[in-house]
Structures are given as C-alpha cells and as structure tokens.
Amino acid sequence: MSGPLNGVRVLDLTAVVSGPYATMFLADQGADVLKIEPISGDGTRRSRNLIDAAGEFSALFVSCNRGKRSLSIDIKSEVGREVLAKLASQADVLVQNFRPGTMERLGLGHEELRKKYTRLIYVSISGVGDSGPYVKKRVYDPIIQGLSGFADIQSQPVTNRPQMIRTIVCDKTTSVFTAQAVSSALYAREKTGQGDHIQVAMLDTMISYLWPEGMMQYTVVGQEAAVGDPNDRPDLVFQTLDGYITAGTISDSEWQGFCKASGDPELAKDERFATPSARFINATARINKMQEYISQRTTAEWLERLDAADVPCSPILRRAEIINNDQVVARGLIEEFDQPTVGRVRQPKPAAIFELNKAAIGGPAPRVGEHSRDVLRELGYADAAIDQMVTSKAVRVAG
C-alpha cells in the first residue's frame, strides 16, 4: 500500500470509535493496521445500523475500520498474551483505549513494553485521563460533551437549556488529535531513535478544541464577564421560501454585501450594524433582521444574490442531499467499493491530500478474525498450533 506511513506497523487494541477511527486514518495513509478483536468481535460490529445478514458488520464499524486486518484472539489467555507480546516486538505503534490499569493487569502496560521495545510508540486513549476523581468513570461521548462545555455552547436561546450535538463529536475529535500525535511521535523517533508514551484523553481534547472561540470570555483572567454570552444569539440558520441557507457577515465588506443583496438601501444605514463590534454586540437583532429579508425569497435566489455580493453562504443540505451535491461530486469526495458479505458501500476519501505519498482507502473493513491465520503464520506459528488455538477458542478465524 502507498501512502506517507507505508511500512509503519500499528497494533490496534481499541474499540468503539475514538481509537478505531484514529487508526483508520493511519491505515488510509499507508500504515499496516492490525486490529486485535475479542473472540466475539468488536462490539460496534453489532451496534445501530446492521448492514449484513450475518450480523458481522454495522455501518459504524465499516466507517471506522476500513483498510485494516483483523486478528481475533482472547488477550486474557496465556496464548493471547504470548501472541500480543510477539506482535508488540514488531510494532511501531500500539494504540489502546481500555480503562486505565487494564493493560497493566495483562502484563502489557506501557512501562513494561517500552522498557523491552524502546522504539515502540505506545498510545493510551481514555475518557478523562489517568488521574483525578473521575478516573474510574465509564465514559462515553455525551459525558464529555457535558463536562467540556460543548453542551452548554449548544444551549437553546432564551431558555438556556444545554443540548447535546447529535454526533459523537468528542470521540471523533479525539481520533484526529490522536492520529496527529502519532505522526509527531514517528517523526521524533526518526531523529532520536526513541519511542514514546502518548496519552490522549477525550476531556483534554475537547477543552482544547473548544477554547479559541468557545471560551473567549474566560481567556483573560479577571475579565470573565466582559464578553456577552454567545448562547443568547440565534444560530446562523435562515429559512427561505423553500429551504434553509446559512450566511456570514463578519467583515464590513460582507455586511455591505448583504445589505446590497437585500435590495433595501436603508439597511446599510442602521447604526446597530455599522461596525464589526456593533454587529457583535447586536448579534441577535442582526440575525433576526437578516431572517426577515431571507424569508422573502427562495434558496436559489438568495445564493445567487449573496454570491454576486461576495458574501459567504451555502445551502443547508439535508443528509440525503450531500452525496449528490455539486461541490461534493466535483471533488469526488465519496468513493464506493465492495464490502464482503455486505455489498457496495460508500466512504469519504481521506481528507488530507498528499501530492507524492498519496493516501487512499486501503480496502474494506475486515471480517472477525479474517487475517488471524496469516498473522499467526507471520509470527512463526505452525498450522497445527494455530488449529489448536482455534479449537481451544483462544483464537477465532473467519468462517
């Protein structure tokens, strides 16, 4: 497989989304990612939208595990620990998102492995980190949305009731932070010859992610109340005669462009919106005023007018419209391939485009234990020994 990480071996002991999605990015960029699954398979194989008759693949699993190989093994068994130790000795990167302390109990903690394999990059993903009063909590995405301030930022205007965003934004953002950190550690190892232990907590990630604009009024110590609460203003969702659009009017030129597009010469004279600071202070009034004009024309009419005035704008697409959107189609952002036992599936292309070391979808998601025999043979196990592992249920192979 081509890609900037071609030749990098990744041992993926993660489940759910935060870990698998991160290692999928590495696979897209050319790494050989070996997914270690329990005998029953990763639990997300059976979550939500099942897409094959055998119950082996969900849409979520395919979208987080494409391009990987699968070894299905009981890591609590003596055989499982032996195999994992051998795999770790050959790996460049090991990624795990068990609860803190689990890997240590298995004899696979970062201190023990990195003492043996000094070039190993060991990644630990967790919900809230390995210290503090919440360390033993079971954590999922909504917990982090609540703790990080994300739910507060989404609060309803007027009532100020917190709201969750309807996607697992904390898991997926943690995945991106993790993949970036792995790349940095690989670069550092090229210079020093030493691996590292990387810890990425979902809570740490989301506080960092939200800070630039989400915590503006808390940036300057002692001036926490100096900035108005952004929750007081409506979203930039404007209803037209036949749909919805969004539009931005941050700069003076953009506001003047909107005023021109509105066709009302009096709007540009309104002192409440004459400067960026005035538009910020009077954001609710400004957005409501924009809605008055936008409700009078169709989506197509407004997009034509706003584009002509160089005002940032777009239609607000329903999910069913995204695949056939002109820009998405022109960029070829969605690819199709055959997923065994499922049929034809869609996946987004890798977002980062490399001119020389091209990233690409490495193939379908693996079946449970699809590569178990191949991996064990690569480690030197004879077929008879592998058969014994299968018989003893220490290892599972794809049927």
Protein backbone atom coordinates (compact mmCIF):
# COMPACT_ATOMS: atom_id res chain seq x y z
CA MET A 1 0.00 0.00 0.00
CA SER A 2 1.24 3.50 -0.81
CA GLY A 3 1.00 6.49 1.48
CA PRO A 4 3.27 8.53 3.77
CA LEU A 5 3.06 5.86 6.51
CA ASN A 6 3.88 2.94 4.24
CA GLY A 7 5.94 0.43 6.24
CA VAL A 8 4.62 1.53 9.64
CA ARG A 9 3.08 -1.30 11.68
CA VAL A 10 0.22 -0.37 14.01
CA LEU A 11 -1.17 -2.70 16.65
CA ASP A 12 -4.76 -1.59 17.25
CA LEU A 13 -6.24 -2.78 20.56
CA THR A 14 -9.02 -0.22 20.55
CA ALA A 15 -12.80 -0.49 20.39
CA VAL A 16 -15.86 1.71 19.83
CA VAL A 17 -14.83 4.90 17.90
CA SER A 18 -12.12 7.10 19.44
CA GLY A 19 -9.37 4.52 18.88
CA PRO A 20 -10.56 2.69 15.73
CA TYR A 21 -11.24 5.94 13.87
CA ALA A 22 -7.75 7.22 14.72
CA THR A 23 -6.05 4.07 13.49
CA MET A 24 -8.22 4.12 10.35
CA PHE A 25 -6.66 7.47 9.45
CA LEU A 26 -3.25 5.81 9.81
CA ALA A 27 -4.40 2.96 7.55
CA ASP A 28 -5.61 5.46 4.95
CA GLN A 29 -2.13 6.96 4.99
CA GLY A 30 -0.47 3.63 4.30
CA ALA A 31 0.17 2.03 7.70
CA ASP A 32 -0.38 -1.71 8.17
CA VAL A 33 -3.02 -1.63 10.92
CA LEU A 34 -3.74 -4.92 12.68
CA LYS A 35 -6.99 -4.79 14.61
CA ILE A 36 -6.99 -7.04 17.69
CA GLU A 37 -10.55 -8.15 18.40
CA PRO A 38 -12.03 -10.34 21.12
CA ILE A 39 -13.43 -13.70 20.07
CA SER A 40 -16.90 -12.14 19.93
CA GLY A 41 -15.61 -9.30 17.73
CA ASP A 42 -15.61 -5.55 18.31
CA GLY A 43 -18.92 -4.57 19.89
CA THR A 44 -19.54 -1.87 17.29
CA ARG A 45 -19.89 -4.58 14.65
CA ARG A 46 -23.38 -5.14 16.05
CA SER A 47 -24.33 -1.58 17.02
CA ARG A 48 -27.07 0.52 15.48
CA ASN A 49 -27.36 0.01 11.73
CA LEU A 50 -26.53 -3.62 10.85
CA ILE A 51 -25.84 -3.91 7.13
CA ASP A 52 -25.27 -7.64 6.57
CA ALA A 53 -27.43 -10.68 7.18
CA ALA A 54 -24.82 -12.43 9.34
CA GLY A 55 -24.73 -9.55 11.82
CA GLU A 56 -20.97 -9.10 11.37
CA PHE A 57 -20.94 -5.55 10.04
CA SER A 58 -22.61 -2.30 11.06
CA ALA A 59 -22.27 0.90 9.09
CA LEU A 60 -20.41 2.39 12.06
CA PHE A 61 -17.88 -0.44 12.14
CA VAL A 62 -17.14 -0.26 8.41
CA SER A 63 -16.65 3.51 8.61
CA CYS A 64 -14.11 3.20 11.45
CA ASN A 65 -12.20 0.09 10.40
CA ARG A 66 -11.78 0.08 6.64
CA GLY A 67 -8.37 -0.93 5.33
CA LYS A 68 -7.32 -2.91 8.43
CA ARG A 69 -6.51 -6.54 9.09
CA SER A 70 -8.21 -8.46 11.90
CA LEU A 71 -6.77 -10.90 14.42
CA SER A 72 -9.45 -12.27 16.75
CA ILE A 73 -7.85 -13.54 19.94
CA ASP A 74 -8.52 -13.89 23.66
CA ILE A 75 -5.96 -11.49 25.11
CA LYS A 76 -6.70 -12.71 28.65
CA SER A 77 -5.47 -16.22 27.79
CA GLU A 78 -1.84 -17.26 28.07
CA VAL A 79 -1.73 -17.82 24.31
CA GLY A 80 -3.25 -14.39 23.68
CA ARG A 81 -0.71 -12.59 25.85
CA GLU A 82 2.13 -14.51 24.20
CA VAL A 83 0.94 -13.56 20.71
CA LEU A 84 0.46 -9.93 21.68
CA ALA A 85 3.96 -9.74 23.14
CA LYS A 86 5.37 -11.03 19.85
CA LEU A 87 3.30 -8.56 17.87
CA ALA A 88 4.39 -5.69 20.12
CA SER A 89 8.02 -6.57 19.49
CA GLN A 90 7.46 -5.95 15.77
CA ALA A 91 5.12 -2.96 16.01
CA ASP A 92 5.98 0.69 15.51
CA VAL A 93 2.81 1.89 17.22
CA LEU A 94 0.46 0.31 19.77
CA VAL A 95 -2.87 2.02 20.42
CA GLN A 96 -5.22 1.02 23.25
CA ASN A 97 -8.28 2.60 24.84
CA PHE A 98 -9.03 0.23 27.69
CA ARG A 99 -9.86 1.67 31.09
CA PRO A 100 -6.73 2.83 32.95
CA GLY A 101 -4.97 -0.17 34.55
CA THR A 102 -6.36 -2.86 32.22
CA MET A 103 -3.25 -3.23 30.07
CA GLU A 104 -1.02 -3.33 33.16
CA ARG A 105 -3.06 -6.24 34.56
CA LEU A 106 -2.48 -8.09 31.29
CA GLY A 107 1.27 -7.52 31.53
CA LEU A 108 1.09 -5.19 28.52
CA GLY A 109 1.39 -1.80 30.20
CA HIS A 110 3.38 0.99 28.60
CA GLU A 111 6.26 0.87 31.09
CA GLU A 112 6.81 -2.86 30.65
CA LEU A 113 6.54 -2.87 26.85
CA ARG A 114 8.56 0.27 26.25
CA LYS A 115 11.31 -0.99 28.52
CA LYS A 116 11.61 -4.02 26.23
CA TYR A 117 10.94 -2.23 22.95
CA THR A 118 12.42 1.24 23.18
CA ARG A 119 11.29 2.28 19.69
CA LEU A 120 7.65 1.45 20.39
CA ILE A 121 5.19 4.35 20.32
CA TYR A 122 2.53 3.43 22.89
CA VAL A 123 -0.76 5.35 22.75
CA SER A 124 -3.30 5.36 25.58
CA ILE A 125 -6.71 6.88 24.83
CA SER A 126 -9.06 7.48 27.74
CA GLY A 127 -12.16 9.42 28.67
CA VAL A 128 -10.82 11.74 31.37
CA GLY A 129 -7.17 10.73 31.74
CA ASP A 130 -5.38 8.52 34.28
CA SER A 131 -5.76 10.77 37.35
CA GLY A 132 -8.37 12.82 39.18
CA PRO A 133 -11.66 11.97 40.90
CA TYR A 134 -13.37 10.89 37.65
CA VAL A 135 -10.70 8.40 36.61
CA LYS A 136 -12.85 5.31 37.26
CA LYS A 137 -15.95 6.63 35.50
CA ARG A 138 -17.30 4.78 32.49
CA VAL A 139 -17.20 7.46 29.81
CA TYR A 140 -18.99 7.91 26.51
CA ASP A 141 -19.29 10.89 24.18
CA PRO A 142 -22.25 12.61 25.91
CA ILE A 143 -20.35 12.57 29.22
CA ILE A 144 -17.54 14.56 27.64
CA GLN A 145 -19.97 16.89 25.88
CA GLY A 146 -21.36 17.67 29.32
CA LEU A 147 -18.00 18.07 31.08
CA SER A 148 -16.20 20.05 28.39
CA GLY A 149 -18.74 22.81 27.87
CA PHE A 150 -19.90 21.55 24.49
CA ALA A 151 -23.48 21.00 25.67
CA ASP A 152 -23.51 24.49 27.20
CA ILE A 153 -22.32 26.07 23.96
CA GLN A 154 -25.22 24.34 22.20
CA SER A 155 -27.72 25.73 24.74
CA GLN A 156 -31.08 26.86 23.45
CA PRO A 157 -31.55 30.61 23.16
CA VAL A 158 -33.96 32.13 25.68
CA THR A 159 -34.30 29.02 27.90
CA ASN A 160 -30.52 28.41 28.07
CA ARG A 161 -31.20 24.65 28.30
CA PRO A 162 -27.99 22.73 27.42
CA GLN A 163 -28.19 20.50 24.35
CA MET A 164 -26.06 17.65 23.04
CA ILE A 165 -24.84 17.83 19.48
CA ARG A 166 -26.22 14.82 17.62
CA THR A 167 -22.97 13.25 16.57
CA ILE A 168 -20.17 11.69 18.58
CA VAL A 169 -18.03 14.77 18.16
CA CYS A 170 -15.81 14.08 21.20
CA ASP A 171 -14.87 10.58 20.05
CA LYS A 172 -14.09 11.69 16.52
CA THR A 173 -12.18 14.82 17.51
CA THR A 174 -10.07 12.70 19.88
CA SER A 175 -9.34 10.41 16.93
CA VAL A 176 -7.95 13.30 14.88
CA PHE A 177 -5.81 14.56 17.79
CA THR A 178 -4.52 11.02 18.31
CA ALA A 179 -3.57 10.43 14.67
CA GLN A 180 -1.73 13.76 14.59
CA ALA A 181 0.16 12.91 17.79
CA VAL A 182 1.22 9.53 16.38
CA SER A 183 2.63 11.24 13.30
CA SER A 184 4.61 13.65 15.50
CA ALA A 185 5.97 10.76 17.59
CA LEU A 186 7.04 8.87 14.46
CA TYR A 187 8.89 11.96 13.25
CA ALA A 188 10.59 12.42 16.63
CA ARG A 189 11.65 8.76 16.64
CA GLU A 190 13.37 9.23 13.29
CA LYS A 191 15.59 11.85 14.95
CA THR A 192 16.14 10.24 18.36
CA GLY A 193 15.58 6.53 17.84
CA GLN A 194 13.27 6.52 20.86
CA GLY A 195 9.59 5.75 21.05
CA ASP A 196 7.20 7.50 23.42
CA HIS A 197 4.08 7.07 25.52
CA ILE A 198 1.26 9.30 24.27
CA GLN A 199 -1.80 9.87 26.43
CA VAL A 200 -4.88 11.40 24.80
CA ALA A 201 -7.98 11.98 26.96
CA MET A 202 -11.30 12.93 25.42
CA LEU A 203 -11.89 15.62 28.05
CA ASP A 204 -8.46 17.19 27.49
CA THR A 205 -9.04 17.10 23.74
CA MET A 206 -12.42 18.78 23.80
CA ILE A 207 -11.42 21.57 26.18
CA SER A 208 -8.51 22.31 23.86
CA TYR A 209 -10.75 22.07 20.80
CA LEU A 210 -13.43 24.40 22.16
CA TRP A 211 -11.18 27.02 23.71
CA PRO A 212 -10.40 29.54 20.89
CA GLU A 213 -13.94 30.86 20.43
CA GLY A 214 -16.00 28.77 22.84
CA MET A 215 -14.21 30.11 25.91
CA MET A 216 -13.46 33.65 24.74
CA GLN A 217 -14.95 35.30 27.81
CA TYR A 218 -12.71 33.19 30.06
CA THR A 219 -9.44 33.82 28.23
CA VAL A 220 -8.41 36.97 30.12
CA VAL A 221 -8.17 36.40 33.87
CA GLY A 222 -10.38 38.82 35.78
CA GLN A 223 -12.49 39.79 32.74
CA GLU A 224 -14.79 36.77 32.61
CA ALA A 225 -17.99 38.84 32.44
CA ALA A 226 -16.73 41.35 29.90
CA VAL A 227 -17.99 39.47 26.85
CA GLY A 228 -21.64 38.73 26.14
CA ASP A 229 -22.85 35.15 26.31
CA PRO A 230 -22.84 33.74 22.74
CA ASN A 231 -25.74 31.47 23.71
CA ASP A 232 -28.03 34.49 23.66
CA ARG A 233 -27.95 34.74 19.87
CA PRO A 234 -29.75 32.56 17.31
CA ASP A 235 -27.91 30.14 15.06
CA LEU A 236 -26.96 31.22 11.56
CA VAL A 237 -29.77 29.14 10.07
CA PHE A 238 -32.05 31.16 7.84
CA GLN A 239 -35.29 29.88 6.35
CA THR A 240 -36.01 30.80 2.76
CA LEU A 241 -39.27 30.34 0.88
CA ASP A 242 -38.31 26.75 0.04
CA GLY A 243 -35.47 25.64 2.33
CA TYR A 244 -32.63 26.85 4.51
CA ILE A 245 -29.34 28.65 3.98
CA THR A 246 -26.52 29.97 6.12
CA ALA A 247 -24.63 33.19 5.57
CA GLY A 248 -21.84 35.06 7.34
CA THR A 249 -21.44 38.82 7.73
CA ILE A 250 -18.37 39.25 9.92
CA SER A 251 -16.39 41.85 7.94
CA ASP A 252 -17.64 45.27 6.81
CA SER A 253 -17.49 44.21 3.16
CA GLU A 254 -19.60 41.13 3.89
CA TRP A 255 -22.23 43.15 5.73
CA GLN A 256 -22.34 45.72 2.98
CA GLY A 257 -22.67 42.87 0.51
CA PHE A 258 -25.65 41.51 2.39
CA CYS A 259 -27.24 44.95 2.51
CA LYS A 260 -26.84 45.22 -1.26
CA ALA A 261 -28.29 41.72 -1.77
CA SER A 262 -31.28 42.59 0.41
CA GLY A 263 -32.31 45.32 -2.03
CA ASP A 264 -33.11 47.68 0.88
CA PRO A 265 -30.89 50.80 0.85
CA GLU A 266 -31.97 51.68 4.39
CA LEU A 267 -30.39 48.57 5.91
CA ALA A 268 -26.85 49.82 5.32
CA LYS A 269 -27.66 52.95 7.34
CA ASP A 270 -28.65 51.08 10.51
CA GLU A 271 -26.11 52.16 13.17
CA ARG A 272 -26.63 48.93 15.15
CA PHE A 273 -24.81 47.02 12.42
CA ALA A 274 -22.37 49.64 11.11
CA THR A 275 -19.15 48.15 12.55
CA PRO A 276 -17.88 44.65 13.42
CA SER A 277 -18.13 45.39 17.15
CA ALA A 278 -21.65 46.79 16.76
CA ARG A 279 -22.72 43.72 14.79
CA PHE A 280 -21.23 41.52 17.52
CA ILE A 281 -22.98 43.36 20.35
CA ASN A 282 -26.26 43.43 18.44
CA ALA A 283 -25.92 39.92 17.02
CA THR A 284 -29.42 38.78 17.92
CA ALA A 285 -31.02 41.82 16.30
CA ARG A 286 -28.78 41.47 13.24
CA ILE A 287 -29.57 37.79 12.71
CA ASN A 288 -33.28 38.34 13.19
CA LYS A 289 -33.17 41.23 10.72
CA MET A 290 -31.39 39.07 8.16
CA GLN A 291 -34.09 36.44 8.60
CA GLU A 292 -36.77 38.99 7.74
CA TYR A 293 -35.20 39.56 4.33
CA ILE A 294 -34.18 35.97 3.65
CA SER A 295 -37.67 34.62 4.25
CA GLN A 296 -38.93 36.60 1.24
CA ARG A 297 -37.03 34.72 -1.49
CA THR A 298 -36.11 31.17 -2.49
CA THR A 299 -32.84 29.46 -1.64
CA ALA A 300 -31.60 29.68 -5.23
CA GLU A 301 -32.38 33.40 -5.43
CA TRP A 302 -30.55 34.16 -2.20
CA LEU A 303 -27.49 32.10 -3.07
CA GLU A 304 -27.23 33.89 -6.43
CA ARG A 305 -27.57 37.32 -4.80
CA LEU A 306 -25.12 36.59 -1.97
CA ASP A 307 -22.52 35.02 -4.24
CA ALA A 308 -22.73 38.07 -6.53
CA ALA A 309 -22.09 40.28 -3.48
CA ASP A 310 -19.21 38.03 -2.28
CA VAL A 311 -21.00 37.13 0.97
CA PRO A 312 -20.11 33.70 2.44
CA CYS A 313 -23.17 31.49 2.01
CA SER A 314 -24.34 27.99 1.27
CA PRO A 315 -27.46 25.89 1.25
CA ILE A 316 -28.02 23.86 4.39
CA LEU A 317 -28.06 20.37 2.97
CA ARG A 318 -30.12 17.53 4.31
CA ARG A 319 -28.02 14.40 4.75
CA ALA A 320 -29.68 12.76 1.75
CA GLU A 321 -28.56 15.69 -0.42
CA ILE A 322 -24.86 15.59 0.44
CA ILE A 323 -23.88 12.69 -1.83
CA ASN A 324 -25.19 14.44 -4.96
CA ASN A 325 -24.16 17.99 -4.06
CA ASP A 326 -22.32 19.68 -6.94
CA GLN A 327 -19.21 20.51 -4.90
CA VAL A 328 -19.01 17.04 -3.33
CA VAL A 329 -19.38 15.38 -6.74
CA ALA A 330 -16.87 17.71 -8.41
CA ARG A 331 -14.27 16.89 -5.77
CA GLY A 332 -15.01 13.15 -5.84
CA LEU A 333 -15.27 13.18 -2.06
CA ILE A 334 -17.29 9.97 -1.79
CA GLU A 335 -15.89 6.66 -3.01
CA GLU A 336 -17.59 3.30 -3.46
CA PHE A 337 -16.18 -0.20 -3.02
CA ASP A 338 -17.32 -3.75 -2.35
CA GLN A 339 -17.61 -4.77 1.30
CA PRO A 340 -17.62 -8.60 1.61
CA THR A 341 -20.96 -10.05 2.84
CA VAL A 342 -22.50 -6.56 2.59
CA GLY A 343 -22.34 -5.29 -0.99
CA ARG A 344 -21.49 -1.87 -2.36
CA VAL A 345 -20.70 0.75 0.30
CA ARG A 346 -19.84 4.45 0.32
CA GLN A 347 -16.98 6.04 2.23
CA PRO A 348 -15.45 9.53 2.23
CA LYS A 349 -11.99 9.86 0.72
CA PRO A 350 -9.10 10.64 3.08
CA ALA A 351 -9.37 14.36 3.74
CA ALA A 352 -5.63 15.16 3.62
CA ILE A 353 -4.36 15.03 0.03
CA PHE A 354 -0.68 14.18 -0.40
CA GLU A 355 0.83 15.03 -3.78
CA LEU A 356 3.62 12.45 -3.65
CA ASN A 357 2.76 9.86 -0.99
CA LYS A 358 -0.89 9.53 -1.83
CA ALA A 359 -3.32 8.46 0.86
CA ALA A 360 -6.13 6.13 -0.16
CA ILE A 361 -8.82 3.91 1.26
CA GLY A 362 -6.94 0.65 1.80
CA GLY A 363 -9.88 -1.65 1.23
CA PRO A 364 -12.94 -2.90 3.08
CA ALA A 365 -13.31 -3.46 6.79
CA PRO A 366 -12.18 -6.97 7.83
CA ARG A 367 -14.38 -9.82 8.96
CA VAL A 368 -13.83 -11.02 12.55
CA GLY A 369 -10.52 -12.88 12.53
CA GLU A 370 -10.21 -12.64 8.75
CA HIS A 371 -6.42 -12.41 8.98
CA SER A 372 -5.85 -14.49 12.12
CA ARG A 373 -4.13 -17.37 10.31
CA ASP A 374 -1.98 -15.06 8.18
CA VAL A 375 -0.82 -13.04 11.19
CA LEU A 376 0.00 -16.09 13.29
CA ARG A 377 1.91 -17.67 10.41
CA GLU A 378 3.89 -14.43 10.05
CA LEU A 379 4.83 -14.81 13.74
CA GLY A 380 6.14 -18.31 13.06
CA TYR A 381 3.26 -20.45 14.36
CA ALA A 382 2.71 -23.72 12.53
CA ASP A 383 -0.74 -24.57 11.17
CA ALA A 384 -1.15 -27.35 13.74
CA ALA A 385 -0.51 -24.88 16.57
CA ILE A 386 -2.95 -22.41 15.04
CA ASP A 387 -5.60 -25.13 14.75
CA GLN A 388 -5.11 -25.91 18.44
CA MET A 389 -5.59 -22.24 19.31
CA VAL A 390 -8.81 -22.22 17.32
CA THR A 391 -10.03 -25.43 18.94
CA SER A 392 -9.32 -24.07 22.42
CA LYS A 393 -11.17 -20.86 21.47
CA ALA A 394 -8.13 -18.70 22.14
CA VAL A 395 -8.25 -17.60 18.51
CA ARG A 396 -11.08 -17.10 16.03
CA VAL A 397 -10.76 -17.31 12.27
CA ALA A 398 -13.26 -16.02 9.74
CA GLY A 399 -15.73 -18.71 8.71
